[in-house]
PDB file of N, CA and C in Angstrom:
ATOM      1  N   UNK A   1      59.486  34.321   5.507  1.00  0.00           N
ATOM      2  CA  UNK A   1      60.771  34.991   5.654  1.00  0.00           C
ATOM      3  C   UNK A   1      60.586  36.489   5.510  1.00  0.00           C
ATOM      4  N   UNK A   2      61.064  37.226   6.486  1.00  0.00           N
ATOM      5  CA  UNK A   2      61.011  38.688   6.425  1.00  0.00           C
ATOM      6  C   UNK A   2      62.450  39.184   6.303  1.00  0.00           C
ATOM      7  N   UNK A   3      62.769  39.824   5.176  1.00  0.00           N
ATOM      8  CA  UNK A   3      64.140  40.309   5.013  1.00  0.00           C
ATOM      9  C   UNK A   3      64.443  41.445   5.978  1.00  0.00           C
ATOM     10  N   UNK A   4      65.687  41.561   6.420  1.00  0.00           N
ATOM     11  CA  UNK A   4      66.059  42.648   7.334  1.00  0.00           C
ATOM     12  C   UNK A   4      66.002  43.996   6.621  1.00  0.00           C
ATOM     13  N   UNK A   5      65.895  45.062   7.416  1.00  0.00           N
ATOM     14  CA  UNK A   5      65.916  46.398   6.842  1.00  0.00           C
ATOM     15  C   UNK A   5      67.234  46.623   6.123  1.00  0.00           C
ATOM     16  N   UNK A   6      67.158  47.163   4.946  1.00  0.00           N
ATOM     17  CA  UNK A   6      68.374  47.454   4.175  1.00  0.00           C
ATOM     18  C   UNK A   6      68.980  48.787   4.590  1.00  0.00           C
ATOM     19  N   UNK A   7      68.129  49.751   4.915  1.00  0.00           N
ATOM     20  CA  UNK A   7      68.636  51.035   5.387  1.00  0.00           C
ATOM     21  C   UNK A   7      67.640  51.629   6.362  1.00  0.00           C
ATOM     22  N   UNK A   8      68.150  52.314   7.320  1.00  0.00           N
ATOM     23  CA  UNK A   8      67.293  52.990   8.276  1.00  0.00           C
ATOM     24  C   UNK A   8      67.342  54.474   7.956  1.00  0.00           C
ATOM     25  N   UNK A   9      66.390  54.919   7.163  1.00  0.00           N
ATOM     26  CA  UNK A   9      66.346  56.307   6.756  1.00  0.00           C
ATOM     27  C   UNK A   9      65.604  57.165   7.755  1.00  0.00           C
ATOM     28  N   UNK A  10      65.425  58.394   7.372  1.00  0.00           N
ATOM     29  CA  UNK A  10      64.720  59.351   8.201  1.00  0.00           C
ATOM     30  C   UNK A  10      63.319  59.558   7.634  1.00  0.00           C
ATOM     31  N   UNK A  11      62.345  59.671   8.528  1.00  0.00           N
ATOM     32  CA  UNK A  11      60.964  59.934   8.123  1.00  0.00           C
ATOM     33  C   UNK A  11      60.463  61.157   8.870  1.00  0.00           C
ATOM     34  N   UNK A  12      59.564  61.886   8.244  1.00  0.00           N
ATOM     35  CA  UNK A  12      58.945  63.061   8.874  1.00  0.00           C
ATOM     36  C   UNK A  12      57.551  62.651   9.326  1.00  0.00           C
ATOM     37  N   UNK A  13      57.267  62.889  10.603  1.00  0.00           N
ATOM     38  CA  UNK A  13      55.999  62.485  11.202  1.00  0.00           C
ATOM     39  C   UNK A  13      55.270  63.722  11.721  1.00  0.00           C
ATOM     40  N   UNK A  14      53.953  63.765  11.510  1.00  0.00           N
ATOM     41  CA  UNK A  14      53.119  64.835  12.068  1.00  0.00           C
ATOM     42  C   UNK A  14      51.988  64.191  12.865  1.00  0.00           C
ATOM     43  N   UNK A  15      51.792  64.665  14.075  1.00  0.00           N
ATOM     44  CA  UNK A  15      50.690  64.209  14.923  1.00  0.00           C
ATOM     45  C   UNK A  15      49.690  65.350  15.042  1.00  0.00           C
ATOM     46  N   UNK A  16      48.428  65.083  14.760  1.00  0.00           N
ATOM     47  CA  UNK A  16      47.400  66.114  14.908  1.00  0.00           C
ATOM     48  C   UNK A  16      46.792  65.981  16.295  1.00  0.00           C
ATOM     49  N   UNK A  17      46.812  67.078  17.029  1.00  0.00           N
ATOM     50  CA  UNK A  17      46.292  67.101  18.378  1.00  0.00           C
ATOM     51  C   UNK A  17      44.788  67.383  18.350  1.00  0.00           C
ATOM     52  N   UNK A  18      44.114  67.167  19.475  1.00  0.00           N
ATOM     53  CA  UNK A  18      42.664  67.378  19.560  1.00  0.00           C
ATOM     54  C   UNK A  18      42.267  68.814  19.254  1.00  0.00           C
ATOM     55  N   UNK A  19      43.138  69.775  19.593  1.00  0.00           N
ATOM     56  CA  UNK A  19      42.808  71.188  19.352  1.00  0.00           C
ATOM     57  C   UNK A  19      43.094  71.627  17.916  1.00  0.00           C
ATOM     58  N   UNK A  20      43.526  70.703  17.067  1.00  0.00           N
ATOM     59  CA  UNK A  20      43.792  71.016  15.668  1.00  0.00           C
ATOM     60  C   UNK A  20      45.241  71.351  15.366  1.00  0.00           C
ATOM     61  N   UNK A  21      46.048  71.576  16.398  1.00  0.00           N
ATOM     62  CA  UNK A  21      47.462  71.869  16.170  1.00  0.00           C
ATOM     63  C   UNK A  21      48.183  70.602  15.735  1.00  0.00           C
ATOM     64  N   UNK A  22      49.364  70.766  15.145  1.00  0.00           N
ATOM     65  CA  UNK A  22      50.156  69.613  14.704  1.00  0.00           C
ATOM     66  C   UNK A  22      51.555  69.680  15.291  1.00  0.00           C
ATOM     67  N   UNK A  23      52.024  68.529  15.702  1.00  0.00           N
ATOM     68  CA  UNK A  23      53.397  68.381  16.164  1.00  0.00           C
ATOM     69  C   UNK A  23      54.145  67.649  15.067  1.00  0.00           C
ATOM     70  N   UNK A  24      55.299  68.180  14.658  1.00  0.00           N
ATOM     71  CA  UNK A  24      56.052  67.562  13.575  1.00  0.00           C
ATOM     72  C   UNK A  24      57.488  67.341  13.994  1.00  0.00           C
ATOM     73  N   UNK A  25      58.069  66.274  13.481  1.00  0.00           N
ATOM     74  CA  UNK A  25      59.467  65.990  13.756  1.00  0.00           C
ATOM     75  C   UNK A  25      60.007  64.967  12.792  1.00  0.00           C
ATOM     76  N   UNK A  26      61.331  64.899  12.717  1.00  0.00           N
ATOM     77  CA  UNK A  26      62.009  63.899  11.892  1.00  0.00           C
ATOM     78  C   UNK A  26      62.540  62.804  12.800  1.00  0.00           C
ATOM     79  N   UNK A  27      62.335  61.570  12.383  1.00  0.00           N
ATOM     80  CA  UNK A  27      62.713  60.418  13.198  1.00  0.00           C
ATOM     81  C   UNK A  27      63.393  59.372  12.328  1.00  0.00           C
ATOM     82  N   UNK A  28      64.198  58.546  12.941  1.00  0.00           N
ATOM     83  CA  UNK A  28      64.781  57.401  12.259  1.00  0.00           C
ATOM     84  C   UNK A  28      63.662  56.387  12.023  1.00  0.00           C
ATOM     85  N   UNK A  29      63.673  55.744  10.879  1.00  0.00           N
ATOM     86  CA  UNK A  29      62.628  54.754  10.601  1.00  0.00           C
ATOM     87  C   UNK A  29      62.722  53.551  11.535  1.00  0.00           C
ATOM     88  N   UNK A  30      63.790  53.422  12.282  1.00  0.00           N
ATOM     89  CA  UNK A  30      63.946  52.320  13.230  1.00  0.00           C
ATOM     90  C   UNK A  30      63.434  52.635  14.620  1.00  0.00           C
ATOM     91  N   UNK A  31      62.965  53.858  14.862  1.00  0.00           N
ATOM     92  CA  UNK A  31      62.470  54.224  16.183  1.00  0.00           C
ATOM     93  C   UNK A  31      61.078  53.655  16.416  1.00  0.00           C
ATOM     94  N   UNK A  32      60.770  53.428  17.688  1.00  0.00           N
ATOM     95  CA  UNK A  32      59.465  52.854  18.043  1.00  0.00           C
ATOM     96  C   UNK A  32      58.408  53.950  18.155  1.00  0.00           C
ATOM     97  N   UNK A  33      57.156  53.532  18.180  1.00  0.00           N
ATOM     98  CA  UNK A  33      56.044  54.462  18.370  1.00  0.00           C
ATOM     99  C   UNK A  33      56.178  55.162  19.718  1.00  0.00           C
ATOM    100  N   UNK A  34      56.610  54.430  20.736  1.00  0.00           N
ATOM    101  CA  UNK A  34      56.797  55.029  22.063  1.00  0.00           C
ATOM    102  C   UNK A  34      57.856  56.131  22.008  1.00  0.00           C
ATOM    103  N   UNK A  35      58.958  55.906  21.289  1.00  0.00           N
ATOM    104  CA  UNK A  35      59.986  56.937  21.128  1.00  0.00           C
ATOM    105  C   UNK A  35      59.396  58.197  20.506  1.00  0.00           C
ATOM    106  N   UNK A  36      58.583  58.003  19.486  1.00  0.00           N
ATOM    107  CA  UNK A  36      57.965  59.129  18.787  1.00  0.00           C
ATOM    108  C   UNK A  36      57.036  59.895  19.725  1.00  0.00           C
ATOM    109  N   UNK A  37      56.157  59.197  20.436  1.00  0.00           N
ATOM    110  CA  UNK A  37      55.188  59.859  21.305  1.00  0.00           C
ATOM    111  C   UNK A  37      55.844  60.565  22.483  1.00  0.00           C
ATOM    112  N   UNK A  38      56.894  60.004  23.040  1.00  0.00           N
ATOM    113  CA  UNK A  38      57.557  60.632  24.180  1.00  0.00           C
ATOM    114  C   UNK A  38      58.534  61.726  23.762  1.00  0.00           C
ATOM    115  N   UNK A  39      58.763  61.884  22.473  1.00  0.00           N
ATOM    116  CA  UNK A  39      59.640  62.944  21.973  1.00  0.00           C
ATOM    117  C   UNK A  39      59.029  64.325  22.209  1.00  0.00           C
ATOM    118  N   UNK A  40      57.718  64.435  22.066  1.00  0.00           N
ATOM    119  CA  UNK A  40      57.033  65.719  22.178  1.00  0.00           C
ATOM    120  C   UNK A  40      56.567  65.945  23.615  1.00  0.00           C
ATOM    121  N   UNK A  41      56.948  67.071  24.238  1.00  0.00           N
ATOM    122  CA  UNK A  41      56.510  67.337  25.623  1.00  0.00           C
ATOM    123  C   UNK A  41      54.987  67.321  25.782  1.00  0.00           C
ATOM    124  N   UNK A  42      54.246  67.786  24.767  1.00  0.00           N
ATOM    125  CA  UNK A  42      52.784  67.836  24.856  1.00  0.00           C
ATOM    126  C   UNK A  42      52.181  66.435  24.974  1.00  0.00           C
ATOM    127  N   UNK A  43      52.719  65.458  24.259  1.00  0.00           N
ATOM    128  CA  UNK A  43      52.172  64.102  24.336  1.00  0.00           C
ATOM    129  C   UNK A  43      52.755  63.356  25.530  1.00  0.00           C
ATOM    130  N   UNK A  44      53.966  63.688  25.922  1.00  0.00           N
ATOM    131  CA  UNK A  44      54.602  63.027  27.068  1.00  0.00           C
ATOM    132  C   UNK A  44      53.762  63.252  28.319  1.00  0.00           C
ATOM    133  N   UNK A  45      53.290  64.466  28.522  1.00  0.00           N
ATOM    134  CA  UNK A  45      52.478  64.801  29.694  1.00  0.00           C
ATOM    135  C   UNK A  45      51.191  63.963  29.713  1.00  0.00           C
ATOM    136  N   UNK A  46      50.522  63.856  28.588  1.00  0.00           N
ATOM    137  CA  UNK A  46      49.284  63.073  28.480  1.00  0.00           C
ATOM    138  C   UNK A  46      49.564  61.593  28.714  1.00  0.00           C
ATOM    139  N   UNK A  47      50.630  61.061  28.121  1.00  0.00           N
ATOM    140  CA  UNK A  47      50.951  59.639  28.263  1.00  0.00           C
ATOM    141  C   UNK A  47      51.221  59.258  29.701  1.00  0.00           C
ATOM    142  N   UNK A  48      51.964  60.085  30.417  1.00  0.00           N
ATOM    143  CA  UNK A  48      52.302  59.761  31.798  1.00  0.00           C
ATOM    144  C   UNK A  48      51.106  59.936  32.722  1.00  0.00           C
ATOM    145  N   UNK A  49      50.183  60.817  32.402  1.00  0.00           N
ATOM    146  CA  UNK A  49      48.957  60.974  33.181  1.00  0.00           C
ATOM    147  C   UNK A  49      48.082  59.739  33.028  1.00  0.00           C
ATOM    148  N   UNK A  50      47.985  59.215  31.805  1.00  0.00           N
ATOM    149  CA  UNK A  50      47.176  58.026  31.536  1.00  0.00           C
ATOM    150  C   UNK A  50      47.770  56.788  32.207  1.00  0.00           C
ATOM    151  N   UNK A  51      49.102  56.668  32.236  1.00  0.00           N
ATOM    152  CA  UNK A  51      49.735  55.456  32.754  1.00  0.00           C
ATOM    153  C   UNK A  51      49.776  55.409  34.276  1.00  0.00           C
ATOM    154  N   UNK A  52      49.481  56.513  34.956  1.00  0.00           N
ATOM    155  CA  UNK A  52      49.535  56.533  36.427  1.00  0.00           C
ATOM    156  C   UNK A  52      48.258  56.054  37.028  1.00  0.00           C
TER     157      UNK A  52
END
């Protein structure tokens, strides 16, 4: 049995890029990894290049 989420709070996420820079943002804890990655224009460009 997995209990349902009691609250969907906000989390701060930082992604470290290959060049050493970091992308940071606040997200709902209920958002998916895809939502997080497509939020940043820098990662969106890379993701769509890989998927084509």
